[in-house]
Amino acid sequence: MKTFNDFSGVEGIDKLMECAPYVSELLKDKDNLSKMSDMTWIELGATMYKAHTEACDKLFTALDKKPDTSIGLVSATAQIMSEIFGNKDMIDFFISAGKAKKSSGSVTENTEGEQ
């Protein structure tokens, strides 16, 4: 499975934007992330995959690999979470991307009502 750092240039930008909604969903899971300090990466991977199966599966597809075993699913999710939390710029990017999408939706709704 490719990591976010395996992409660069325009391909990397496209890949980040494709993954942003799925990663944002994971980062908004305050219940599971609040327990993160008490978990190993593998435990976090298992917890997050079970709680966000569809988002994780879409991330795997975007990153060009779909694990086909339970161990692979947990390991791949743990790898993604570790990569994101190991890079403050990446966390900030995905949080900002999630907020920007919300904001743009409300702007569209406001401007449509004014026409």
Protein backbone atom coordinates (compact mmCIF):
# COMPACT_ATOMS: atom_id res chain seq x y z
CA MET A 1 0.00 0.00 0.00
CA LYS A 2 1.27 3.44 -0.87
CA THR A 3 1.51 6.06 1.84
CA PHE A 4 0.63 9.72 1.48
CA ASN A 5 4.34 10.52 1.16
CA ASP A 6 4.64 8.26 -1.91
CA PHE A 7 2.73 10.81 -3.98
CA SER A 8 4.11 14.11 -5.23
CA GLY A 9 3.27 16.91 -7.62
CA VAL A 10 -0.18 17.11 -9.16
CA GLU A 11 -0.75 13.38 -8.55
CA GLY A 12 -0.07 13.95 -4.85
CA ILE A 13 -2.43 16.90 -4.66
CA ASP A 14 -5.18 14.91 -6.37
CA LYS A 15 -4.59 11.97 -4.03
CA LEU A 16 -4.71 14.15 -0.91
CA MET A 17 -7.95 15.76 -2.06
CA GLU A 18 -9.46 12.35 -2.87
CA CYS A 19 -8.56 11.05 0.60
CA ALA A 20 -9.50 14.19 2.55
CA PRO A 21 -13.17 13.35 3.26
CA TYR A 22 -12.31 9.87 4.52
CA VAL A 23 -9.42 11.00 6.71
CA SER A 24 -11.52 13.88 8.03
CA GLU A 25 -14.15 11.35 9.10
CA LEU A 26 -11.53 9.41 11.06
CA LEU A 27 -10.16 12.58 12.68
CA LYS A 28 -13.65 13.63 13.81
CA ASP A 29 -14.08 10.43 15.85
CA LYS A 30 -13.46 12.07 19.22
CA ASP A 31 -14.69 9.05 21.20
CA ASN A 32 -12.13 6.62 19.79
CA LEU A 33 -9.31 9.16 19.44
CA SER A 34 -9.68 10.20 23.08
CA LYS A 35 -8.66 6.63 24.02
CA MET A 36 -5.68 6.70 21.65
CA SER A 37 -3.08 7.21 24.40
CA ASP A 38 -4.20 3.96 26.03
CA MET A 39 -4.01 1.92 22.79
CA THR A 40 -1.33 0.49 20.59
CA TRP A 41 -1.42 1.45 16.91
CA ILE A 42 -2.84 -2.01 16.14
CA GLU A 43 -5.63 -1.57 18.69
CA LEU A 44 -6.40 1.86 17.24
CA GLY A 45 -6.39 0.40 13.73
CA ALA A 46 -8.88 -2.29 14.73
CA THR A 47 -11.12 0.18 16.55
CA MET A 48 -11.11 2.72 13.73
CA TYR A 49 -11.66 0.13 11.00
CA LYS A 50 -14.67 -1.32 12.83
CA ALA A 51 -16.11 2.16 13.48
CA HIS A 52 -15.38 3.55 9.98
CA THR A 53 -15.27 0.57 7.64
CA GLU A 54 -16.52 2.40 4.56
CA ALA A 55 -14.15 5.36 4.96
CA CYS A 56 -11.19 3.02 5.54
CA ASP A 57 -12.08 0.89 2.51
CA LYS A 58 -12.27 4.01 0.34
CA LEU A 59 -8.89 5.13 1.68
CA PHE A 60 -7.37 1.76 0.80
CA THR A 61 -8.78 2.04 -2.70
CA ALA A 62 -7.41 5.57 -3.10
CA LEU A 63 -4.01 4.43 -1.86
CA ASP A 64 -3.98 1.58 -4.40
CA LYS A 65 -4.30 -1.40 -2.09
CA LYS A 66 -7.19 -3.25 -0.57
CA PRO A 67 -6.06 -5.65 2.15
CA ASP A 68 -7.79 -9.01 1.86
CA THR A 69 -7.33 -10.38 5.38
CA SER A 70 -8.38 -9.15 8.80
CA ILE A 71 -4.75 -8.71 9.78
CA GLY A 72 -4.18 -6.67 6.63
CA LEU A 73 -7.20 -4.45 7.31
CA VAL A 74 -6.11 -3.71 10.87
CA SER A 75 -2.46 -3.21 9.92
CA ALA A 76 -3.28 -0.91 7.00
CA THR A 77 -5.61 1.20 9.14
CA ALA A 78 -2.97 1.41 11.87
CA GLN A 79 -0.36 2.42 9.27
CA ILE A 80 -2.59 5.22 7.96
CA MET A 81 -3.36 6.50 11.46
CA SER A 82 0.32 6.37 12.42
CA GLU A 83 1.33 8.26 9.28
CA ILE A 84 -1.27 10.97 9.87
CA PHE A 85 -0.53 11.44 13.55
CA GLY A 86 3.22 11.34 12.93
CA ASN A 87 3.03 14.48 10.78
CA LYS A 88 1.50 17.66 12.23
CA ASP A 89 1.26 19.27 8.78
CA MET A 90 -0.75 16.30 7.55
CA ILE A 91 -3.15 16.48 10.51
CA ASP A 92 -3.59 20.23 9.97
CA PHE A 93 -4.20 19.70 6.23
CA PHE A 94 -6.89 17.06 6.71
CA ILE A 95 -8.61 19.01 9.51
CA SER A 96 -8.60 22.15 7.35
CA ALA A 97 -9.86 20.22 4.32
CA GLY A 98 -12.77 18.87 6.39
CA LYS A 99 -13.65 22.34 7.67
CA ALA A 100 -13.36 23.93 4.23
CA LYS A 101 -15.86 21.47 2.77
CA LYS A 102 -18.38 22.31 5.50
CA SER A 103 -17.87 26.04 5.00
CA SER A 104 -18.24 25.89 1.23
CA GLY A 105 -21.54 24.05 1.62
CA SER A 106 -23.00 26.76 3.83
CA VAL A 107 -21.79 29.50 1.47
CA THR A 108 -23.51 27.77 -1.45
CA GLU A 109 -26.74 27.45 0.50
CA ASN A 110 -26.61 31.14 1.46
CA THR A 111 -25.94 32.37 -2.08
CA GLU A 112 -28.62 30.14 -3.63
CA GLY A 113 -31.24 31.71 -1.40
CA GLU A 114 -30.25 35.21 -2.51
CA GLN A 115 -30.77 34.64 -6.25
